């Protein structure tokens, strides 16, 4: 399997003129200096453009003519839509009907065809597979793909360049684990901590048990929609398990507190899922986080109504 630092470095070179090198912003928590990697300021509002661009740039001319199909609650959807539009590729995106309106509308605005499904009743992978079989479109998964993982890992390349080396700890929002595992590939000197929504922490459970464990039946609803992944990938699990990573989980309320902190302290707009890693630190779930640790803010695509409610202390 190709997943390694060299491949991520090549991905970084490949997509360098297609993505923003996002800032690393200083923050202080309990008198400790930390760094926030602001992927909420990436084109499309999330890190997902990185993996999508890396994947689509490697399609053959014949594959580009066939188009692509992806499934996502929003950020991967928009990332694929942006990359496809830039490359002149037709894109169909399978999205849950309860995905935030801002994400659905932004994806459609990029020229992609949006196909909605019921998250509780339908199988998004089956729908995307059917569309692929009928149209010939190439399926572009959100994390279960080597090119996607390597593209997301370019966040880690930037962190090392910006700091001049590996930070002691990197805390990362985690859905399927593409971002966490990609960063783990290129920062061997860093402890990697993926953070998921409470009740949807299948990566944490899988890492603890040493084997992939799906989200259990009756998982609670969560506003951290970007991280609602029912089953992680062997690729992402394998990398994180090999690095000895251990996961954490946060509640919606803890994520809302992190969103308020990001706005009040730095005037940064962060969506609930994108605030998961920051939430873990603010909730004191990493009391021994060393000076100079990095927290990834992975996305900023939040519905205005929800955001206003969160800032006003509700949610």
C-alpha atoms as a PDB file:
ATOM      1  CA  UNK A   1       0.000   0.000   0.000  1.00  0.00           C
ATOM      2  CA  UNK A   2       1.343   3.408  -0.999  1.00  0.00           C
ATOM      3  CA  UNK A   3       0.268   5.428   2.045  1.00  0.00           C
ATOM      4  CA  UNK A   4       3.454   7.164   3.234  1.00  0.00           C
ATOM      5  CA  UNK A   5       5.058  10.580   3.699  1.00  0.00           C
ATOM      6  CA  UNK A   6       6.594  10.595   0.229  1.00  0.00           C
ATOM      7  CA  UNK A   7       3.199  10.155  -1.411  1.00  0.00           C
ATOM      8  CA  UNK A   8       1.696  12.945   0.711  1.00  0.00           C
ATOM      9  CA  UNK A   9       4.591  15.222  -0.269  1.00  0.00           C
ATOM     10  CA  UNK A  10       3.859  14.511  -3.937  1.00  0.00           C
ATOM     11  CA  UNK A  11       0.186  15.249  -3.310  1.00  0.00           C
ATOM     12  CA  UNK A  12       1.159  18.564  -1.737  1.00  0.00           C
ATOM     13  CA  UNK A  13       3.119  19.501  -4.851  1.00  0.00           C
ATOM     14  CA  UNK A  14       0.304  18.315  -7.110  1.00  0.00           C
ATOM     15  CA  UNK A  15      -2.418  20.443  -5.490  1.00  0.00           C
ATOM     16  CA  UNK A  16      -0.331  23.434  -4.395  1.00  0.00           C
ATOM     17  CA  UNK A  17      -1.905  25.867  -6.865  1.00  0.00           C
ATOM     18  CA  UNK A  18      -5.440  24.588  -6.176  1.00  0.00           C
ATOM     19  CA  UNK A  19      -5.705  25.055  -2.402  1.00  0.00           C
ATOM     20  CA  UNK A  20      -5.035  27.763   0.170  1.00  0.00           C
ATOM     21  CA  UNK A  21      -2.131  27.403   2.593  1.00  0.00           C
ATOM     22  CA  UNK A  22      -4.234  28.077   5.661  1.00  0.00           C
ATOM     23  CA  UNK A  23      -2.904  30.063   8.621  1.00  0.00           C
ATOM     24  CA  UNK A  24      -1.643  28.679  11.895  1.00  0.00           C
ATOM     25  CA  UNK A  25      -3.075  31.026  14.526  1.00  0.00           C
ATOM     26  CA  UNK A  26      -1.826  31.310  18.084  1.00  0.00           C
ATOM     27  CA  UNK A  27      -4.293  30.791  20.931  1.00  0.00           C
ATOM     28  CA  UNK A  28      -3.974  30.473  24.692  1.00  0.00           C
ATOM     29  CA  UNK A  29      -5.814  27.971  26.854  1.00  0.00           C
ATOM     30  CA  UNK A  30      -5.129  27.982  30.586  1.00  0.00           C
ATOM     31  CA  UNK A  31      -1.925  29.971  30.003  1.00  0.00           C
ATOM     32  CA  UNK A  32      -0.664  27.422  27.480  1.00  0.00           C
ATOM     33  CA  UNK A  33       0.212  28.521  23.961  1.00  0.00           C
ATOM     34  CA  UNK A  34      -1.432  26.409  21.298  1.00  0.00           C
ATOM     35  CA  UNK A  35      -1.752  26.704  17.539  1.00  0.00           C
ATOM     36  CA  UNK A  36      -5.004  26.498  15.588  1.00  0.00           C
ATOM     37  CA  UNK A  37      -4.695  25.204  12.018  1.00  0.00           C
ATOM     38  CA  UNK A  38      -7.522  27.090  10.322  1.00  0.00           C
ATOM     39  CA  UNK A  39      -8.874  24.808   7.607  1.00  0.00           C
ATOM     40  CA  UNK A  40     -12.181  26.611   8.174  1.00  0.00           C
ATOM     41  CA  UNK A  41     -10.548  29.279   5.959  1.00  0.00           C
ATOM     42  CA  UNK A  42      -9.819  26.829   3.127  1.00  0.00           C
ATOM     43  CA  UNK A  43     -11.529  27.342  -0.242  1.00  0.00           C
ATOM     44  CA  UNK A  44     -14.966  25.767   0.137  1.00  0.00           C
ATOM     45  CA  UNK A  45     -14.815  26.233   3.902  1.00  0.00           C
ATOM     46  CA  UNK A  46     -13.118  22.927   4.801  1.00  0.00           C
ATOM     47  CA  UNK A  47     -10.045  20.750   4.292  1.00  0.00           C
ATOM     48  CA  UNK A  48     -11.968  18.414   1.984  1.00  0.00           C
ATOM     49  CA  UNK A  49     -10.902  20.284  -1.157  1.00  0.00           C
ATOM     50  CA  UNK A  50      -7.405  18.875  -0.665  1.00  0.00           C
ATOM     51  CA  UNK A  51      -8.288  15.204  -1.006  1.00  0.00           C
ATOM     52  CA  UNK A  52     -10.876  15.812  -3.704  1.00  0.00           C
ATOM     53  CA  UNK A  53      -8.415  17.795  -5.810  1.00  0.00           C
ATOM     54  CA  UNK A  54      -5.668  15.211  -5.387  1.00  0.00           C
ATOM     55  CA  UNK A  55      -8.056  12.436  -6.483  1.00  0.00           C
ATOM     56  CA  UNK A  56      -9.570  14.225  -9.476  1.00  0.00           C
ATOM     57  CA  UNK A  57      -6.250  15.488 -10.818  1.00  0.00           C
ATOM     58  CA  UNK A  58      -5.173  11.861 -11.246  1.00  0.00           C
ATOM     59  CA  UNK A  59      -8.171  10.787 -13.326  1.00  0.00           C
ATOM     60  CA  UNK A  60      -7.399   9.857 -16.910  1.00  0.00           C
ATOM     61  CA  UNK A  61      -8.948  11.855 -19.757  1.00  0.00           C
ATOM     62  CA  UNK A  62     -11.392   8.989 -20.365  1.00  0.00           C
ATOM     63  CA  UNK A  63     -12.401   8.920 -16.690  1.00  0.00           C
ATOM     64  CA  UNK A  64     -12.921  12.681 -16.633  1.00  0.00           C
ATOM     65  CA  UNK A  65     -15.382  12.364 -19.515  1.00  0.00           C
ATOM     66  CA  UNK A  66     -17.416   9.870 -17.484  1.00  0.00           C
ATOM     67  CA  UNK A  67     -17.812  12.263 -14.567  1.00  0.00           C
ATOM     68  CA  UNK A  68     -17.646  11.582 -10.825  1.00  0.00           C
ATOM     69  CA  UNK A  69     -20.100  10.710  -8.067  1.00  0.00           C
ATOM     70  CA  UNK A  70     -19.539  11.246  -4.347  1.00  0.00           C
ATOM     71  CA  UNK A  71     -21.547  10.844  -1.133  1.00  0.00           C
ATOM     72  CA  UNK A  72     -21.252  13.330   1.709  1.00  0.00           C
ATOM     73  CA  UNK A  73     -23.179  15.362   4.268  1.00  0.00           C
ATOM     74  CA  UNK A  74     -21.572  18.488   2.901  1.00  0.00           C
ATOM     75  CA  UNK A  75     -17.886  19.334   3.076  1.00  0.00           C
ATOM     76  CA  UNK A  76     -16.601  16.521   0.865  1.00  0.00           C
ATOM     77  CA  UNK A  77     -19.567  17.228  -1.401  1.00  0.00           C
ATOM     78  CA  UNK A  78     -18.521  20.817  -1.915  1.00  0.00           C
ATOM     79  CA  UNK A  79     -14.843  19.922  -2.200  1.00  0.00           C
ATOM     80  CA  UNK A  80     -15.566  17.447  -5.006  1.00  0.00           C
ATOM     81  CA  UNK A  81     -17.926  19.930  -6.670  1.00  0.00           C
ATOM     82  CA  UNK A  82     -15.289  22.687  -6.657  1.00  0.00           C
ATOM     83  CA  UNK A  83     -12.513  20.424  -7.927  1.00  0.00           C
ATOM     84  CA  UNK A  84     -14.818  18.999 -10.627  1.00  0.00           C
ATOM     85  CA  UNK A  85     -15.922  22.448 -11.808  1.00  0.00           C
ATOM     86  CA  UNK A  86     -12.323  23.622 -12.101  1.00  0.00           C
ATOM     87  CA  UNK A  87     -11.401  20.578 -14.162  1.00  0.00           C
ATOM     88  CA  UNK A  88     -14.530  20.576 -16.327  1.00  0.00           C
ATOM     89  CA  UNK A  89     -15.818  17.294 -14.885  1.00  0.00           C
ATOM     90  CA  UNK A  90     -19.519  16.555 -14.339  1.00  0.00           C
ATOM     91  CA  UNK A  91     -20.243  15.778 -10.667  1.00  0.00           C
ATOM     92  CA  UNK A  92     -23.178  14.104  -8.921  1.00  0.00           C
ATOM     93  CA  UNK A  93     -23.296  14.333  -5.133  1.00  0.00           C
ATOM     94  CA  UNK A  94     -25.406  12.060  -2.923  1.00  0.00           C
ATOM     95  CA  UNK A  95     -26.325  14.033   0.224  1.00  0.00           C
ATOM     96  CA  UNK A  96     -28.556  13.284   3.227  1.00  0.00           C
ATOM     97  CA  UNK A  97     -31.774  15.273   3.205  1.00  0.00           C
ATOM     98  CA  UNK A  98     -30.978  16.580   6.709  1.00  0.00           C
ATOM     99  CA  UNK A  99     -27.585  17.995   5.694  1.00  0.00           C
ATOM    100  CA  UNK A 100     -27.232  21.688   6.558  1.00  0.00           C
ATOM    101  CA  UNK A 101     -28.925  23.872   3.966  1.00  0.00           C
ATOM    102  CA  UNK A 102     -25.814  25.992   3.547  1.00  0.00           C
ATOM    103  CA  UNK A 103     -23.854  22.903   2.482  1.00  0.00           C
ATOM    104  CA  UNK A 104     -26.504  21.626   0.058  1.00  0.00           C
ATOM    105  CA  UNK A 105     -26.928  25.024  -1.586  1.00  0.00           C
ATOM    106  CA  UNK A 106     -23.181  25.656  -1.835  1.00  0.00           C
ATOM    107  CA  UNK A 107     -22.642  22.260  -3.473  1.00  0.00           C
ATOM    108  CA  UNK A 108     -25.367  22.900  -6.043  1.00  0.00           C
ATOM    109  CA  UNK A 109     -23.991  26.385  -6.668  1.00  0.00           C
ATOM    110  CA  UNK A 110     -20.711  24.812  -7.802  1.00  0.00           C
ATOM    111  CA  UNK A 111     -22.617  23.113 -10.627  1.00  0.00           C
ATOM    112  CA  UNK A 112     -22.969  19.643  -9.128  1.00  0.00           C
ATOM    113  CA  UNK A 113     -26.185  17.616  -9.361  1.00  0.00           C
ATOM    114  CA  UNK A 114     -27.405  16.901  -5.818  1.00  0.00           C
ATOM    115  CA  UNK A 115     -29.286  13.653  -5.084  1.00  0.00           C
ATOM    116  CA  UNK A 116     -30.891  13.580  -1.633  1.00  0.00           C
ATOM    117  CA  UNK A 117     -31.466  10.492   0.533  1.00  0.00           C
ATOM    118  CA  UNK A 118     -32.875   9.605   3.951  1.00  0.00           C
ATOM    119  CA  UNK A 119     -29.948   9.078   6.337  1.00  0.00           C
ATOM    120  CA  UNK A 120     -32.020   6.738   8.538  1.00  0.00           C
ATOM    121  CA  UNK A 121     -33.428   4.531   5.780  1.00  0.00           C
ATOM    122  CA  UNK A 122     -31.158   4.626   2.735  1.00  0.00           C
ATOM    123  CA  UNK A 123     -27.634   3.406   2.005  1.00  0.00           C
ATOM    124  CA  UNK A 124     -25.616   6.268   0.537  1.00  0.00           C
ATOM    125  CA  UNK A 125     -22.908   3.957  -0.786  1.00  0.00           C
ATOM    126  CA  UNK A 126     -25.505   1.803  -2.566  1.00  0.00           C
ATOM    127  CA  UNK A 127     -27.033   4.905  -4.149  1.00  0.00           C
ATOM    128  CA  UNK A 128     -23.656   6.181  -5.352  1.00  0.00           C
ATOM    129  CA  UNK A 129     -22.764   2.715  -6.653  1.00  0.00           C
ATOM    130  CA  UNK A 130     -26.010   2.521  -8.617  1.00  0.00           C
ATOM    131  CA  UNK A 131     -25.398   5.938 -10.171  1.00  0.00           C
ATOM    132  CA  UNK A 132     -21.875   4.867 -11.073  1.00  0.00           C
ATOM    133  CA  UNK A 133     -23.083   1.635 -12.669  1.00  0.00           C
ATOM    134  CA  UNK A 134     -25.754   3.436 -14.682  1.00  0.00           C
ATOM    135  CA  UNK A 135     -23.679   6.405 -15.832  1.00  0.00           C
ATOM    136  CA  UNK A 136     -20.098   5.167 -15.711  1.00  0.00           C
ATOM    137  CA  UNK A 137     -19.166   7.943 -13.259  1.00  0.00           C
ATOM    138  CA  UNK A 138     -16.123   7.369 -11.046  1.00  0.00           C
ATOM    139  CA  UNK A 139     -16.949   7.017  -7.326  1.00  0.00           C
ATOM    140  CA  UNK A 140     -14.928   9.429  -5.165  1.00  0.00           C
ATOM    141  CA  UNK A 141     -15.234   8.322  -1.508  1.00  0.00           C
ATOM    142  CA  UNK A 142     -14.846  10.834   1.292  1.00  0.00           C
ATOM    143  CA  UNK A 143     -12.105   8.926   3.134  1.00  0.00           C
ATOM    144  CA  UNK A 144     -11.901   5.281   1.993  1.00  0.00           C
ATOM    145  CA  UNK A 145      -9.417   6.069  -0.767  1.00  0.00           C
ATOM    146  CA  UNK A 146      -5.621   6.330  -0.776  1.00  0.00           C
ATOM    147  CA  UNK A 147      -5.519   9.473  -2.931  1.00  0.00           C
ATOM    148  CA  UNK A 148      -8.053  11.173  -0.663  1.00  0.00           C
ATOM    149  CA  UNK A 149      -6.078  10.336   2.490  1.00  0.00           C
ATOM    150  CA  UNK A 150      -2.842  11.566   0.953  1.00  0.00           C
ATOM    151  CA  UNK A 151      -4.503  14.784  -0.150  1.00  0.00           C
ATOM    152  CA  UNK A 152      -5.834  15.436   3.345  1.00  0.00           C
ATOM    153  CA  UNK A 153      -2.383  14.727   4.738  1.00  0.00           C
ATOM    154  CA  UNK A 154      -1.104  17.889   3.072  1.00  0.00           C
ATOM    155  CA  UNK A 155      -2.488  19.730   6.118  1.00  0.00           C
ATOM    156  CA  UNK A 156       0.300  18.024   8.087  1.00  0.00           C
ATOM    157  CA  UNK A 157       2.922  19.072   5.538  1.00  0.00           C
ATOM    158  CA  UNK A 158       1.868  22.682   6.051  1.00  0.00           C
ATOM    159  CA  UNK A 159       1.881  22.387   9.844  1.00  0.00           C
ATOM    160  CA  UNK A 160       5.470  21.109   9.826  1.00  0.00           C
ATOM    161  CA  UNK A 161       6.552  23.844   7.403  1.00  0.00           C
ATOM    162  CA  UNK A 162       4.866  26.566   9.450  1.00  0.00           C
ATOM    163  CA  UNK A 163       6.316  25.389  12.768  1.00  0.00           C
ATOM    164  CA  UNK A 164       9.686  24.260  11.450  1.00  0.00           C
ATOM    165  CA  UNK A 165       9.108  20.711  12.708  1.00  0.00           C
ATOM    166  CA  UNK A 166       6.600  18.307  14.209  1.00  0.00           C
ATOM    167  CA  UNK A 167       4.456  19.637  17.075  1.00  0.00           C
ATOM    168  CA  UNK A 168       4.248  17.458  20.192  1.00  0.00           C
ATOM    169  CA  UNK A 169       0.509  16.864  19.811  1.00  0.00           C
ATOM    170  CA  UNK A 170      -2.077  17.301  17.041  1.00  0.00           C
ATOM    171  CA  UNK A 171      -5.782  17.123  17.901  1.00  0.00           C
ATOM    172  CA  UNK A 172      -8.026  16.559  14.888  1.00  0.00           C
ATOM    173  CA  UNK A 173     -11.778  16.313  14.191  1.00  0.00           C
ATOM    174  CA  UNK A 174     -12.496  12.804  12.936  1.00  0.00           C
ATOM    175  CA  UNK A 175     -15.305  11.297  10.869  1.00  0.00           C
ATOM    176  CA  UNK A 176     -13.898   8.549   8.675  1.00  0.00           C
ATOM    177  CA  UNK A 177     -10.341   9.404   9.670  1.00  0.00           C
ATOM    178  CA  UNK A 178      -8.961  10.651   6.354  1.00  0.00           C
ATOM    179  CA  UNK A 179      -7.603  13.872   7.838  1.00  0.00           C
ATOM    180  CA  UNK A 180      -6.293  12.267  11.033  1.00  0.00           C
ATOM    181  CA  UNK A 181      -4.535   9.426   9.238  1.00  0.00           C
ATOM    182  CA  UNK A 182      -3.170  11.697   6.518  1.00  0.00           C
ATOM    183  CA  UNK A 183      -1.628  13.997   9.106  1.00  0.00           C
ATOM    184  CA  UNK A 184      -0.277  10.990  11.020  1.00  0.00           C
ATOM    185  CA  UNK A 185       1.639   9.916   7.906  1.00  0.00           C
ATOM    186  CA  UNK A 186       3.698  13.101   7.785  1.00  0.00           C
ATOM    187  CA  UNK A 187       4.173  14.026  11.456  1.00  0.00           C
ATOM    188  CA  UNK A 188       5.924  10.998  12.974  1.00  0.00           C
ATOM    189  CA  UNK A 189       7.077  13.020  15.975  1.00  0.00           C
ATOM    190  CA  UNK A 190       3.553  14.062  16.957  1.00  0.00           C
ATOM    191  CA  UNK A 191       0.995  12.325  19.128  1.00  0.00           C
ATOM    192  CA  UNK A 192      -2.214  12.136  17.084  1.00  0.00           C
ATOM    193  CA  UNK A 193      -5.609  12.457  18.787  1.00  0.00           C
ATOM    194  CA  UNK A 194      -8.761  12.073  16.628  1.00  0.00           C
ATOM    195  CA  UNK A 195     -11.948  13.537  18.134  1.00  0.00           C
ATOM    196  CA  UNK A 196     -15.476  12.356  17.234  1.00  0.00           C
ATOM    197  CA  UNK A 197     -19.065  13.107  18.292  1.00  0.00           C
ATOM    198  CA  UNK A 198     -20.296  11.287  21.389  1.00  0.00           C
ATOM    199  CA  UNK A 199     -22.075   8.113  20.309  1.00  0.00           C
ATOM    200  CA  UNK A 200     -20.393   8.248  16.899  1.00  0.00           C
ATOM    201  CA  UNK A 201     -16.875   7.544  18.164  1.00  0.00           C
ATOM    202  CA  UNK A 202     -16.325   4.384  16.161  1.00  0.00           C
ATOM    203  CA  UNK A 203     -12.695   5.277  15.428  1.00  0.00           C
ATOM    204  CA  UNK A 204     -11.956   5.636  19.142  1.00  0.00           C
ATOM    205  CA  UNK A 205     -13.702   2.334  19.851  1.00  0.00           C
ATOM    206  CA  UNK A 206     -11.901   0.629  16.984  1.00  0.00           C
ATOM    207  CA  UNK A 207      -8.502   1.893  18.125  1.00  0.00           C
ATOM    208  CA  UNK A 208      -9.192   0.760  21.692  1.00  0.00           C
ATOM    209  CA  UNK A 209     -10.252  -2.734  20.610  1.00  0.00           C
ATOM    210  CA  UNK A 210      -7.654  -3.147  17.880  1.00  0.00           C
ATOM    211  CA  UNK A 211     -10.214  -3.873  15.174  1.00  0.00           C
ATOM    212  CA  UNK A 212     -12.790  -1.911  13.191  1.00  0.00           C
ATOM    213  CA  UNK A 213     -16.052  -1.478  15.103  1.00  0.00           C
ATOM    214  CA  UNK A 214     -19.092   0.198  13.471  1.00  0.00           C
ATOM    215  CA  UNK A 215     -21.257   2.812  15.138  1.00  0.00           C
ATOM    216  CA  UNK A 216     -23.827   0.996  17.252  1.00  0.00           C
ATOM    217  CA  UNK A 217     -27.544   0.903  16.557  1.00  0.00           C
ATOM    218  CA  UNK A 218     -29.479   3.814  17.986  1.00  0.00           C
ATOM    219  CA  UNK A 219     -26.613   6.292  17.851  1.00  0.00           C
ATOM    220  CA  UNK A 220     -27.861   9.657  19.141  1.00  0.00           C
ATOM    221  CA  UNK A 221     -28.584  12.602  16.858  1.00  0.00           C
ATOM    222  CA  UNK A 222     -25.752  15.110  16.678  1.00  0.00           C
ATOM    223  CA  UNK A 223     -25.127  18.553  15.224  1.00  0.00           C
ATOM    224  CA  UNK A 224     -21.607  17.447  14.345  1.00  0.00           C
ATOM    225  CA  UNK A 225     -22.957  16.245  10.994  1.00  0.00           C
ATOM    226  CA  UNK A 226     -19.578  16.462   9.249  1.00  0.00           C
ATOM    227  CA  UNK A 227     -18.331  13.670  11.521  1.00  0.00           C
ATOM    228  CA  UNK A 228     -21.280  11.261  11.317  1.00  0.00           C
ATOM    229  CA  UNK A 229     -19.538   8.284   9.765  1.00  0.00           C
ATOM    230  CA  UNK A 230     -20.989   4.845  10.593  1.00  0.00           C
ATOM    231  CA  UNK A 231     -17.861   2.844   9.722  1.00  0.00           C
ATOM    232  CA  UNK A 232     -14.217   3.816   9.345  1.00  0.00           C
ATOM    233  CA  UNK A 233     -11.921   2.647   6.565  1.00  0.00           C
ATOM    234  CA  UNK A 234      -9.245  -0.053   6.809  1.00  0.00           C
ATOM    235  CA  UNK A 235      -6.852   2.544   5.346  1.00  0.00           C
ATOM    236  CA  UNK A 236      -7.483   5.176   7.994  1.00  0.00           C
ATOM    237  CA  UNK A 237      -7.789   2.714  10.863  1.00  0.00           C
ATOM    238  CA  UNK A 238      -4.592   0.959   9.815  1.00  0.00           C
ATOM    239  CA  UNK A 239      -2.542   4.162   9.818  1.00  0.00           C
ATOM    240  CA  UNK A 240      -3.897   5.443  13.133  1.00  0.00           C
ATOM    241  CA  UNK A 241      -3.693   2.048  14.846  1.00  0.00           C
ATOM    242  CA  UNK A 242      -0.115   1.713  13.625  1.00  0.00           C
ATOM    243  CA  UNK A 243       0.715   5.064  15.200  1.00  0.00           C
ATOM    244  CA  UNK A 244      -0.842   4.103  18.536  1.00  0.00           C
ATOM    245  CA  UNK A 245      -3.461   6.864  18.301  1.00  0.00           C
ATOM    246  CA  UNK A 246      -6.201   7.041  20.913  1.00  0.00           C
ATOM    247  CA  UNK A 247      -9.478   8.832  20.243  1.00  0.00           C
ATOM    248  CA  UNK A 248     -11.781  11.098  22.227  1.00  0.00           C
ATOM    249  CA  UNK A 249     -15.446  12.082  21.954  1.00  0.00           C
ATOM    250  CA  UNK A 250     -17.231  15.381  22.573  1.00  0.00           C
ATOM    251  CA  UNK A 251     -20.861  16.356  22.997  1.00  0.00           C
ATOM    252  CA  UNK A 252     -22.784  18.874  20.927  1.00  0.00           C
ATOM    253  CA  UNK A 253     -22.727  21.303  23.861  1.00  0.00           C
ATOM    254  CA  UNK A 254     -18.940  21.042  24.123  1.00  0.00           C
ATOM    255  CA  UNK A 255     -18.629  21.716  20.392  1.00  0.00           C
ATOM    256  CA  UNK A 256     -20.927  24.745  20.720  1.00  0.00           C
ATOM    257  CA  UNK A 257     -18.709  26.109  23.491  1.00  0.00           C
ATOM    258  CA  UNK A 258     -15.706  25.739  21.193  1.00  0.00           C
ATOM    259  CA  UNK A 259     -17.530  27.563  18.392  1.00  0.00           C
ATOM    260  CA  UNK A 260     -18.209  30.452  20.767  1.00  0.00           C
ATOM    261  CA  UNK A 261     -14.589  30.486  21.913  1.00  0.00           C
ATOM    262  CA  UNK A 262     -13.319  30.606  18.311  1.00  0.00           C
ATOM    263  CA  UNK A 263     -15.614  33.535  17.526  1.00  0.00           C
ATOM    264  CA  UNK A 264     -15.145  35.469  20.749  1.00  0.00           C
ATOM    265  CA  UNK A 265     -11.376  35.031  20.883  1.00  0.00           C
ATOM    266  CA  UNK A 266     -10.317  35.057  17.238  1.00  0.00           C
ATOM    267  CA  UNK A 267     -13.427  35.970  15.208  1.00  0.00           C
ATOM    268  CA  UNK A 268     -13.249  32.608  13.461  1.00  0.00           C
ATOM    269  CA  UNK A 269     -16.410  30.919  12.178  1.00  0.00           C
ATOM    270  CA  UNK A 270     -16.225  27.178  12.845  1.00  0.00           C
ATOM    271  CA  UNK A 271     -18.952  24.571  12.289  1.00  0.00           C
ATOM    272  CA  UNK A 272     -19.827  22.056  15.030  1.00  0.00           C
ATOM    273  CA  UNK A 273     -17.824  19.169  13.537  1.00  0.00           C
ATOM    274  CA  UNK A 274     -14.931  21.473  12.706  1.00  0.00           C
ATOM    275  CA  UNK A 275     -14.782  22.554  16.359  1.00  0.00           C
ATOM    276  CA  UNK A 276     -14.576  19.026  17.805  1.00  0.00           C
ATOM    277  CA  UNK A 277     -10.829  19.037  18.457  1.00  0.00           C
ATOM    278  CA  UNK A 278     -10.907  22.456  20.100  1.00  0.00           C
ATOM    279  CA  UNK A 279     -13.875  21.284  22.159  1.00  0.00           C
ATOM    280  CA  UNK A 280     -11.830  18.396  23.575  1.00  0.00           C
ATOM    281  CA  UNK A 281      -9.213  20.785  24.911  1.00  0.00           C
ATOM    282  CA  UNK A 282     -11.687  23.328  26.246  1.00  0.00           C
ATOM    283  CA  UNK A 283     -13.541  20.504  28.040  1.00  0.00           C
ATOM    284  CA  UNK A 284     -10.241  19.501  29.670  1.00  0.00           C
ATOM    285  CA  UNK A 285     -10.165  16.072  28.032  1.00  0.00           C
ATOM    286  CA  UNK A 286      -6.456  16.520  27.342  1.00  0.00           C
ATOM    287  CA  UNK A 287      -5.248  18.050  30.610  1.00  0.00           C
ATOM    288  CA  UNK A 288      -1.603  17.295  29.843  1.00  0.00           C
ATOM    289  CA  UNK A 289      -1.569  18.823  26.341  1.00  0.00           C
ATOM    290  CA  UNK A 290       1.949  20.235  25.979  1.00  0.00           C
ATOM    291  CA  UNK A 291       2.881  23.768  25.003  1.00  0.00           C
ATOM    292  CA  UNK A 292       2.928  24.199  21.236  1.00  0.00           C
ATOM    293  CA  UNK A 293       0.261  21.593  20.484  1.00  0.00           C
ATOM    294  CA  UNK A 294      -1.806  22.030  17.298  1.00  0.00           C
ATOM    295  CA  UNK A 295      -5.593  21.921  17.093  1.00  0.00           C
ATOM    296  CA  UNK A 296      -7.156  21.555  13.652  1.00  0.00           C
ATOM    297  CA  UNK A 297     -10.289  23.580  12.914  1.00  0.00           C
ATOM    298  CA  UNK A 298     -11.437  21.442  10.014  1.00  0.00           C
ATOM    299  CA  UNK A 299     -14.451  23.348   8.666  1.00  0.00           C
ATOM    300  CA  UNK A 300     -16.561  26.484   8.885  1.00  0.00           C
ATOM    301  CA  UNK A 301     -19.728  25.648   6.938  1.00  0.00           C
ATOM    302  CA  UNK A 302     -22.555  26.220   9.393  1.00  0.00           C
ATOM    303  CA  UNK A 303     -26.154  27.281   8.783  1.00  0.00           C
ATOM    304  CA  UNK A 304     -26.596  30.937   9.828  1.00  0.00           C
ATOM    305  CA  UNK A 305     -29.610  30.156  12.004  1.00  0.00           C
ATOM    306  CA  UNK A 306     -27.795  27.488  14.001  1.00  0.00           C
ATOM    307  CA  UNK A 307     -24.697  29.655  14.286  1.00  0.00           C
ATOM    308  CA  UNK A 308     -26.650  32.616  15.632  1.00  0.00           C
ATOM    309  CA  UNK A 309     -28.342  30.308  18.131  1.00  0.00           C
ATOM    310  CA  UNK A 310     -25.006  28.890  19.277  1.00  0.00           C
ATOM    311  CA  UNK A 311     -23.456  32.329  19.724  1.00  0.00           C
ATOM    312  CA  UNK A 312     -26.472  33.324  21.800  1.00  0.00           C
ATOM    313  CA  UNK A 313     -25.852  30.380  24.103  1.00  0.00           C
ATOM    314  CA  UNK A 314     -28.343  27.899  22.666  1.00  0.00           C
ATOM    315  CA  UNK A 315     -28.019  25.320  19.872  1.00  0.00           C
END
